Amino acid sequence: MEKDIITLLADIRKSITIASKEMLTSEETCDMLGISLSYLHHLMADGEITYYQRKTGAKVYFSKDDIYKFMRQGEHSSYADMGILNNTIQFLKTNQL
């Protein structure tokens, strides 16, 4: 029980720290995205997420704005939008416009 409370307080402190910062470390970025450090390195190597580094070998930082942009990359259209699109395609095919 005591360990659960200590863990919970540590998680709350981590969340408050992340919420109050503009630039995050690799570890904080992983916590925010819910991914492993090795997967974050994969994303960096593939150019899928923007990061900042003053010089080679220096600590890496991530902007929260860039993290949010990365998170929105997987955005999908709503079913309503897809229905409109399908209707438009069908109309164009039928009328051969």
Protein backbone atom coordinates (compact mmCIF):
# COMPACT_ATOMS: atom_id res chain seq x y z
CA MET A 1 0.00 0.00 0.00
CA GLU A 2 2.76 2.44 0.98
CA LYS A 3 4.70 1.55 -2.18
CA ASP A 4 1.58 2.19 -4.29
CA ILE A 5 1.19 5.65 -2.78
CA ILE A 6 4.88 6.46 -3.33
CA THR A 7 4.63 5.30 -6.95
CA LEU A 8 1.47 7.34 -7.47
CA LEU A 9 3.11 10.46 -6.00
CA ALA A 10 6.15 9.96 -8.25
CA ASP A 11 3.85 9.68 -11.30
CA ILE A 12 2.01 12.85 -10.29
CA ARG A 13 5.28 14.72 -9.82
CA LYS A 14 6.48 13.52 -13.24
CA SER A 15 3.23 14.66 -14.88
CA ILE A 16 3.44 18.09 -13.25
CA THR A 17 7.06 18.46 -14.36
CA ILE A 18 6.20 17.56 -17.96
CA ALA A 19 3.18 19.89 -17.97
CA SER A 20 5.28 22.84 -16.79
CA LYS A 21 8.07 22.52 -19.38
CA GLU A 22 8.24 23.68 -23.00
CA MET A 23 11.17 21.43 -23.99
CA LEU A 24 11.33 17.81 -22.83
CA THR A 25 14.15 15.30 -22.46
CA SER A 26 14.08 11.95 -24.23
CA GLU A 27 12.82 10.24 -21.08
CA GLU A 28 10.05 12.79 -20.57
CA THR A 29 9.05 12.49 -24.23
CA CYS A 30 8.83 8.71 -23.88
CA ASP A 31 6.63 9.15 -20.81
CA MET A 32 4.38 11.58 -22.67
CA LEU A 33 4.04 9.31 -25.71
CA GLY A 34 3.97 6.05 -23.78
CA ILE A 35 6.82 4.55 -25.83
CA SER A 36 10.21 3.04 -25.09
CA LEU A 37 13.48 4.91 -25.46
CA SER A 38 14.59 2.53 -28.21
CA TYR A 39 11.41 3.26 -30.21
CA LEU A 40 11.98 6.99 -29.75
CA HIS A 41 15.49 6.53 -31.17
CA HIS A 42 13.93 4.70 -34.12
CA LEU A 43 11.53 7.60 -34.73
CA MET A 44 14.44 10.06 -34.57
CA ALA A 45 16.59 8.02 -36.98
CA ASP A 46 13.70 7.78 -39.47
CA GLY A 47 13.01 11.52 -39.22
CA GLU A 48 9.49 10.92 -37.98
CA ILE A 49 9.82 13.17 -34.93
CA THR A 50 11.63 16.49 -34.68
CA TYR A 51 14.31 16.88 -32.05
CA TYR A 52 16.89 19.46 -31.03
CA GLN A 53 20.53 18.82 -30.23
CA ARG A 54 23.21 21.52 -29.81
CA LYS A 55 26.04 19.27 -31.00
CA THR A 56 26.65 15.61 -31.77
CA GLY A 57 26.64 13.57 -28.59
CA ALA A 58 24.90 16.30 -26.61
CA LYS A 59 21.61 15.83 -24.81
CA VAL A 60 18.53 15.72 -27.05
CA TYR A 61 15.38 17.78 -26.45
CA PHE A 62 11.88 17.74 -27.90
CA SER A 63 9.43 20.61 -28.21
CA LYS A 64 5.94 19.89 -26.91
CA ASP A 65 4.52 21.49 -30.06
CA ASP A 66 6.52 19.03 -32.19
CA ILE A 67 5.37 16.14 -30.02
CA TYR A 68 1.73 17.18 -30.49
CA LYS A 69 2.30 17.45 -34.27
CA PHE A 70 3.77 13.95 -34.25
CA MET A 71 0.76 12.66 -32.32
CA ARG A 72 -1.63 14.22 -34.85
CA GLN A 73 0.11 12.57 -37.82
CA GLY A 74 -2.06 9.51 -37.36
CA GLU A 75 -5.26 11.54 -37.59
CA HIS A 76 -8.03 9.82 -39.53
CA SER A 77 -11.09 11.31 -41.15
CA SER A 78 -14.38 10.83 -39.43
CA TYR A 79 -16.87 8.34 -40.85
CA ALA A 80 -19.06 11.25 -41.91
CA ASP A 81 -16.21 12.79 -43.93
CA MET A 82 -15.46 9.42 -45.49
CA GLY A 83 -19.12 9.02 -46.44
CA ILE A 84 -19.16 12.40 -48.14
CA LEU A 85 -15.99 11.51 -50.00
CA ASN A 86 -17.39 8.16 -51.12
CA ASN A 87 -20.61 9.84 -52.30
CA THR A 88 -18.60 12.40 -54.25
CA ILE A 89 -16.48 9.70 -55.90
CA GLN A 90 -19.58 7.72 -56.81
CA PHE A 91 -21.22 10.84 -58.26
CA LEU A 92 -18.14 11.62 -60.36
CA LYS A 93 -17.93 8.04 -61.64
CA THR A 94 -21.62 7.98 -62.50
CA ASN A 95 -21.56 11.32 -64.28
CA GLN A 96 -18.09 10.83 -65.72
CA LEU A 97 -16.93 14.31 -64.79
